[in-house]
Amino acid sequence: MPSSPPPRQEVQISSTAASDTRNSEDLIIYCCVCYLPASSAGSDRAINSARGKSNGYPTFWLASCGHIVCSSHVFPNGVPLEAASKTYTCPYCKNDGISLAGVGAGEVPVDLRDYFRPESELLEDVAGAIKFRTNNLIRIAKHYKKLSETLTTKVEDQRRVLLKVKDELIRGKELKGSVLIRQALHN
């Protein structure tokens, strides 16, 4: 076991990676200490069996510090029954008090599944959410546009009515003035 973590390397995936025969999970689920990929032995049981452990527990563990490590680095003597309920030291970054969740071979806790889903599925979900939000925004924008048009029509109607009332008041004032002049002339 190395005394300090090896330098992190970014994985560059080229357009030819799609034709690569490696399991795409190998880029996500591998041990940060020994770089053993999840698919290297075909299944967790095969890896455990090859290491002399057949207790049925996951071979890979996601630490709360974000590192994935294989059981041989966390549990060299086999996985204890209460493995997921205790705290440990990450064999990669040496952080104390980390919790572990078993991952690999389809055994990912529900609240962590999005971290292990293919990007295409995640993008479909994001696209679906964006479409949902966009459709709702368009719907409410149409509603407010129609409401605005209705209110604009009402305001224009009220403006015409008020102009007629204004004209009638001016005409009434003129009539009142002419009536007062006629009354003054007749008296």
C-alpha atoms as a PDB file:
ATOM      1  CA  MET A   1       0.000   0.000   0.000  1.00  0.00           C
ATOM      2  CA  PRO A   2       1.538   3.361  -1.044  1.00  0.00           C
ATOM      3  CA  SER A   3       2.274   5.889   1.661  1.00  0.00           C
ATOM      4  CA  SER A   4       0.784   8.746  -0.335  1.00  0.00           C
ATOM      5  CA  PRO A   5      -1.817   8.742  -3.081  1.00  0.00           C
ATOM      6  CA  PRO A   6      -0.485   8.624  -6.614  1.00  0.00           C
ATOM      7  CA  PRO A   7      -0.999  11.777  -8.678  1.00  0.00           C
ATOM      8  CA  ARG A   8      -4.466  11.993 -10.171  1.00  0.00           C
ATOM      9  CA  GLN A   9      -4.715  11.553 -13.890  1.00  0.00           C
ATOM     10  CA  GLU A  10      -7.563  12.834 -16.014  1.00  0.00           C
ATOM     11  CA  VAL A  11      -9.031  10.268 -18.362  1.00  0.00           C
ATOM     12  CA  GLN A  12      -9.323  11.525 -21.924  1.00  0.00           C
ATOM     13  CA  ILE A  13     -11.976   9.665 -23.901  1.00  0.00           C
ATOM     14  CA  SER A  14     -11.534   9.944 -27.663  1.00  0.00           C
ATOM     15  CA  SER A  15     -14.159   9.354 -30.303  1.00  0.00           C
ATOM     16  CA  THR A  16     -12.652   5.916 -30.817  1.00  0.00           C
ATOM     17  CA  ALA A  17     -13.400   5.000 -27.217  1.00  0.00           C
ATOM     18  CA  ALA A  18     -16.890   3.915 -28.216  1.00  0.00           C
ATOM     19  CA  SER A  19     -15.404   1.101 -30.259  1.00  0.00           C
ATOM     20  CA  ASP A  20     -13.103   0.076 -27.391  1.00  0.00           C
ATOM     21  CA  THR A  21     -13.846  -3.388 -26.044  1.00  0.00           C
ATOM     22  CA  ARG A  22     -13.316  -2.382 -22.413  1.00  0.00           C
ATOM     23  CA  ASN A  23     -16.326  -2.143 -20.159  1.00  0.00           C
ATOM     24  CA  SER A  24     -17.279   1.549 -19.788  1.00  0.00           C
ATOM     25  CA  GLU A  25     -17.820   0.865 -16.079  1.00  0.00           C
ATOM     26  CA  ASP A  26     -14.036   0.380 -15.816  1.00  0.00           C
ATOM     27  CA  LEU A  27     -13.644   4.147 -16.175  1.00  0.00           C
ATOM     28  CA  ILE A  28     -15.995   4.700 -13.251  1.00  0.00           C
ATOM     29  CA  ILE A  29     -15.678   1.728 -10.914  1.00  0.00           C
ATOM     30  CA  TYR A  30     -12.092   0.793 -10.175  1.00  0.00           C
ATOM     31  CA  CYS A  31     -10.007   0.748  -7.034  1.00  0.00           C
ATOM     32  CA  CYS A  32      -8.182   4.063  -6.467  1.00  0.00           C
ATOM     33  CA  VAL A  33      -5.351   2.210  -4.734  1.00  0.00           C
ATOM     34  CA  CYS A  34      -4.572  -0.725  -7.054  1.00  0.00           C
ATOM     35  CA  TYR A  35      -6.634   0.386 -10.119  1.00  0.00           C
ATOM     36  CA  LEU A  36      -8.417  -2.973 -10.305  1.00  0.00           C
ATOM     37  CA  PRO A  37     -11.437  -2.401 -12.610  1.00  0.00           C
ATOM     38  CA  ALA A  38     -14.861  -3.732 -11.685  1.00  0.00           C
ATOM     39  CA  SER A  39     -15.029  -5.931 -14.770  1.00  0.00           C
ATOM     40  CA  SER A  40     -11.559  -7.461 -14.379  1.00  0.00           C
ATOM     41  CA  ALA A  41     -12.823 -10.715 -12.905  1.00  0.00           C
ATOM     42  CA  GLY A  42     -16.330 -10.672 -14.286  1.00  0.00           C
ATOM     43  CA  SER A  43     -18.187 -10.270 -11.009  1.00  0.00           C
ATOM     44  CA  ASP A  44     -17.776  -9.409  -7.356  1.00  0.00           C
ATOM     45  CA  ARG A  45     -18.106 -13.063  -6.419  1.00  0.00           C
ATOM     46  CA  ALA A  46     -15.304 -14.050  -8.790  1.00  0.00           C
ATOM     47  CA  ILE A  47     -12.986 -11.353  -7.401  1.00  0.00           C
ATOM     48  CA  ASN A  48     -13.813 -12.270  -3.811  1.00  0.00           C
ATOM     49  CA  SER A  49     -13.365 -15.935  -4.598  1.00  0.00           C
ATOM     50  CA  ALA A  50     -10.008 -15.263  -6.293  1.00  0.00           C
ATOM     51  CA  ARG A  51      -8.938 -13.422  -3.162  1.00  0.00           C
ATOM     52  CA  GLY A  52     -10.159 -16.224  -0.926  1.00  0.00           C
ATOM     53  CA  LYS A  53     -13.247 -14.346   0.213  1.00  0.00           C
ATOM     54  CA  SER A  54     -16.702 -15.606  -0.638  1.00  0.00           C
ATOM     55  CA  ASN A  55     -18.853 -13.785   1.890  1.00  0.00           C
ATOM     56  CA  GLY A  56     -21.150 -12.264  -0.754  1.00  0.00           C
ATOM     57  CA  TYR A  57     -20.279  -8.654   0.120  1.00  0.00           C
ATOM     58  CA  PRO A  58     -19.410  -6.115  -2.563  1.00  0.00           C
ATOM     59  CA  THR A  59     -15.818  -6.043  -3.724  1.00  0.00           C
ATOM     60  CA  PHE A  60     -15.838  -2.286  -4.283  1.00  0.00           C
ATOM     61  CA  TRP A  61     -16.735   0.370  -1.765  1.00  0.00           C
ATOM     62  CA  LEU A  62     -17.473   4.054  -2.288  1.00  0.00           C
ATOM     63  CA  ALA A  63     -15.992   6.038   0.584  1.00  0.00           C
ATOM     64  CA  SER A  64     -17.688   9.220   1.804  1.00  0.00           C
ATOM     65  CA  CYS A  65     -14.519  11.077   0.744  1.00  0.00           C
ATOM     66  CA  GLY A  66     -15.394  10.132  -2.862  1.00  0.00           C
ATOM     67  CA  HIS A  67     -12.892   7.363  -3.522  1.00  0.00           C
ATOM     68  CA  ILE A  68     -13.706   3.839  -4.663  1.00  0.00           C
ATOM     69  CA  VAL A  69     -11.575   1.144  -3.117  1.00  0.00           C
ATOM     70  CA  CYS A  70     -11.657  -2.628  -3.278  1.00  0.00           C
ATOM     71  CA  SER A  71     -12.329  -4.751  -0.229  1.00  0.00           C
ATOM     72  CA  SER A  72      -8.756  -6.002  -0.009  1.00  0.00           C
ATOM     73  CA  HIS A  73      -7.543  -2.509   0.995  1.00  0.00           C
ATOM     74  CA  VAL A  74     -10.332  -1.751   3.471  1.00  0.00           C
ATOM     75  CA  PHE A  75     -11.038  -5.227   4.781  1.00  0.00           C
ATOM     76  CA  PRO A  76      -7.896  -7.370   4.361  1.00  0.00           C
ATOM     77  CA  ASN A  77      -9.378 -10.027   6.673  1.00  0.00           C
ATOM     78  CA  GLY A  78     -12.800 -10.094   5.022  1.00  0.00           C
ATOM     79  CA  VAL A  79     -15.805  -7.816   5.180  1.00  0.00           C
ATOM     80  CA  PRO A  80     -17.370  -7.650   8.663  1.00  0.00           C
ATOM     81  CA  LEU A  81     -21.149  -7.937   8.994  1.00  0.00           C
ATOM     82  CA  GLU A  82     -21.477  -4.337  10.195  1.00  0.00           C
ATOM     83  CA  ALA A  83     -19.187  -2.907   7.461  1.00  0.00           C
ATOM     84  CA  ALA A  84     -21.626  -0.263   6.247  1.00  0.00           C
ATOM     85  CA  SER A  85     -22.458   1.002   9.744  1.00  0.00           C
ATOM     86  CA  LYS A  86     -18.937   1.768  10.988  1.00  0.00           C
ATOM     87  CA  THR A  87     -16.393   4.429  10.062  1.00  0.00           C
ATOM     88  CA  TYR A  88     -12.976   3.763   8.573  1.00  0.00           C
ATOM     89  CA  THR A  89      -9.832   5.372   7.193  1.00  0.00           C
ATOM     90  CA  CYS A  90      -9.727   5.742   3.417  1.00  0.00           C
ATOM     91  CA  PRO A  91      -6.795   3.669   2.130  1.00  0.00           C
ATOM     92  CA  TYR A  92      -6.290   6.178  -0.704  1.00  0.00           C
ATOM     93  CA  CYS A  93      -6.427   9.651   0.892  1.00  0.00           C
ATOM     94  CA  LYS A  94      -6.027   8.544   4.543  1.00  0.00           C
ATOM     95  CA  ASN A  95      -9.056  10.552   5.726  1.00  0.00           C
ATOM     96  CA  ASP A  96     -10.415   9.198   9.012  1.00  0.00           C
ATOM     97  CA  GLY A  97     -14.068   8.748   9.909  1.00  0.00           C
ATOM     98  CA  ILE A  98     -15.316   7.894   6.430  1.00  0.00           C
ATOM     99  CA  SER A  99     -18.378   5.778   5.823  1.00  0.00           C
ATOM    100  CA  LEU A 100     -18.622   3.161   3.088  1.00  0.00           C
ATOM    101  CA  ALA A 101     -21.303   2.073   0.639  1.00  0.00           C
ATOM    102  CA  GLY A 102     -20.930  -1.067  -1.442  1.00  0.00           C
ATOM    103  CA  VAL A 103     -20.817  -0.542  -5.218  1.00  0.00           C
ATOM    104  CA  GLY A 104     -20.257  -2.699  -8.273  1.00  0.00           C
ATOM    105  CA  ALA A 105     -22.061  -5.526 -10.031  1.00  0.00           C
ATOM    106  CA  GLY A 106     -25.360  -3.633  -9.831  1.00  0.00           C
ATOM    107  CA  GLU A 107     -25.089  -3.183  -6.066  1.00  0.00           C
ATOM    108  CA  VAL A 108     -25.249   0.607  -5.790  1.00  0.00           C
ATOM    109  CA  PRO A 109     -27.297   2.250  -3.044  1.00  0.00           C
ATOM    110  CA  VAL A 110     -30.375   4.042  -4.411  1.00  0.00           C
ATOM    111  CA  ASP A 111     -29.204   7.506  -3.329  1.00  0.00           C
ATOM    112  CA  LEU A 112     -25.891   7.030  -5.212  1.00  0.00           C
ATOM    113  CA  ARG A 113     -27.173   5.492  -8.462  1.00  0.00           C
ATOM    114  CA  ASP A 114     -27.003   8.719 -10.483  1.00  0.00           C
ATOM    115  CA  TYR A 115     -23.232   8.778  -9.953  1.00  0.00           C
ATOM    116  CA  PHE A 116     -22.941   5.452 -11.769  1.00  0.00           C
ATOM    117  CA  ARG A 117     -25.529   5.845 -14.526  1.00  0.00           C
ATOM    118  CA  PRO A 118     -24.337   6.265 -18.126  1.00  0.00           C
ATOM    119  CA  GLU A 119     -24.031   9.865 -19.270  1.00  0.00           C
ATOM    120  CA  SER A 120     -26.582   9.264 -22.028  1.00  0.00           C
ATOM    121  CA  GLU A 121     -29.228   8.347 -19.429  1.00  0.00           C
ATOM    122  CA  LEU A 122     -28.349  11.335 -17.284  1.00  0.00           C
ATOM    123  CA  LEU A 123     -28.557  13.629 -20.307  1.00  0.00           C
ATOM    124  CA  GLU A 124     -31.947  12.156 -21.219  1.00  0.00           C
ATOM    125  CA  ASP A 125     -33.178  12.961 -17.712  1.00  0.00           C
ATOM    126  CA  VAL A 126     -31.756  16.477 -17.890  1.00  0.00           C
ATOM    127  CA  ALA A 127     -33.264  16.964 -21.356  1.00  0.00           C
ATOM    128  CA  GLY A 128     -36.612  15.729 -20.036  1.00  0.00           C
ATOM    129  CA  ALA A 129     -36.456  18.142 -17.114  1.00  0.00           C
ATOM    130  CA  ILE A 130     -35.497  21.033 -19.402  1.00  0.00           C
ATOM    131  CA  LYS A 131     -38.331  20.152 -21.786  1.00  0.00           C
ATOM    132  CA  PHE A 132     -40.790  19.988 -18.877  1.00  0.00           C
ATOM    133  CA  ARG A 133     -39.682  23.368 -17.524  1.00  0.00           C
ATOM    134  CA  THR A 134     -39.587  24.956 -20.970  1.00  0.00           C
ATOM    135  CA  ASN A 135     -43.099  23.710 -21.777  1.00  0.00           C
ATOM    136  CA  ASN A 136     -44.380  25.102 -18.478  1.00  0.00           C
ATOM    137  CA  LEU A 137     -42.664  28.452 -19.122  1.00  0.00           C
ATOM    138  CA  ILE A 138     -44.126  28.591 -22.636  1.00  0.00           C
ATOM    139  CA  ARG A 139     -47.576  27.712 -21.290  1.00  0.00           C
ATOM    140  CA  ILE A 140     -47.500  30.430 -18.622  1.00  0.00           C
ATOM    141  CA  ALA A 141     -46.017  32.941 -21.096  1.00  0.00           C
ATOM    142  CA  LYS A 142     -48.893  32.217 -23.501  1.00  0.00           C
ATOM    143  CA  HIS A 143     -51.353  32.640 -20.637  1.00  0.00           C
ATOM    144  CA  TYR A 144     -49.917  36.006 -19.647  1.00  0.00           C
ATOM    145  CA  LYS A 145     -49.683  37.108 -23.282  1.00  0.00           C
ATOM    146  CA  LYS A 146     -53.372  36.281 -23.784  1.00  0.00           C
ATOM    147  CA  LEU A 147     -54.233  37.996 -20.495  1.00  0.00           C
ATOM    148  CA  SER A 148     -52.196  41.024 -21.559  1.00  0.00           C
ATOM    149  CA  GLU A 149     -53.974  41.141 -24.925  1.00  0.00           C
ATOM    150  CA  THR A 150     -57.363  40.863 -23.185  1.00  0.00           C
ATOM    151  CA  LEU A 151     -56.471  43.627 -20.736  1.00  0.00           C
ATOM    152  CA  THR A 152     -55.068  45.798 -23.547  1.00  0.00           C
ATOM    153  CA  THR A 153     -58.356  45.396 -25.436  1.00  0.00           C
ATOM    154  CA  LYS A 154     -60.313  46.320 -22.287  1.00  0.00           C
ATOM    155  CA  VAL A 155     -58.095  49.360 -21.687  1.00  0.00           C
ATOM    156  CA  GLU A 156     -58.608  50.484 -25.299  1.00  0.00           C
ATOM    157  CA  ASP A 157     -62.380  49.995 -24.921  1.00  0.00           C
ATOM    158  CA  GLN A 158     -62.331  51.997 -21.667  1.00  0.00           C
ATOM    159  CA  ARG A 159     -60.217  54.707 -23.336  1.00  0.00           C
ATOM    160  CA  ARG A 160     -62.795  55.013 -26.155  1.00  0.00           C
ATOM    161  CA  VAL A 161     -65.632  55.168 -23.604  1.00  0.00           C
ATOM    162  CA  LEU A 162     -63.771  57.838 -21.603  1.00  0.00           C
ATOM    163  CA  LEU A 163     -63.112  59.875 -24.762  1.00  0.00           C
ATOM    164  CA  LYS A 164     -66.844  59.686 -25.590  1.00  0.00           C
ATOM    165  CA  VAL A 165     -67.694  60.744 -22.011  1.00  0.00           C
ATOM    166  CA  LYS A 166     -65.174  63.607 -22.280  1.00  0.00           C
ATOM    167  CA  ASP A 167     -66.688  64.700 -25.584  1.00  0.00           C
ATOM    168  CA  GLU A 168     -70.191  64.485 -24.052  1.00  0.00           C
ATOM    169  CA  LEU A 169     -69.072  66.510 -21.014  1.00  0.00           C
ATOM    170  CA  ILE A 170     -67.556  69.178 -23.282  1.00  0.00           C
ATOM    171  CA  ARG A 171     -70.713  69.156 -25.383  1.00  0.00           C
ATOM    172  CA  GLY A 172     -72.815  69.336 -22.189  1.00  0.00           C
ATOM    173  CA  LYS A 173     -70.758  72.270 -20.930  1.00  0.00           C
ATOM    174  CA  GLU A 174     -71.241  74.020 -24.272  1.00  0.00           C
ATOM    175  CA  LEU A 175     -75.005  73.338 -24.148  1.00  0.00           C
ATOM    176  CA  LYS A 176     -75.215  74.570 -20.562  1.00  0.00           C
ATOM    177  CA  GLY A 177     -73.375  77.751 -21.592  1.00  0.00           C
ATOM    178  CA  SER A 178     -75.741  78.341 -24.515  1.00  0.00           C
ATOM    179  CA  VAL A 179     -78.773  77.673 -22.270  1.00  0.00           C
ATOM    180  CA  LEU A 180     -77.484  80.219 -19.734  1.00  0.00           C
ATOM    181  CA  ILE A 181     -76.922  82.772 -22.512  1.00  0.00           C
ATOM    182  CA  ARG A 182     -80.484  82.225 -23.864  1.00  0.00           C
ATOM    183  CA  GLN A 183     -81.953  82.532 -20.387  1.00  0.00           C
ATOM    184  CA  ALA A 184     -80.041  85.761 -19.833  1.00  0.00           C
ATOM    185  CA  LEU A 185     -81.303  87.116 -23.174  1.00  0.00           C
ATOM    186  CA  HIS A 186     -84.923  86.211 -22.388  1.00  0.00           C
ATOM    187  CA  ASN A 187     -84.918  87.800 -18.972  1.00  0.00           C
END
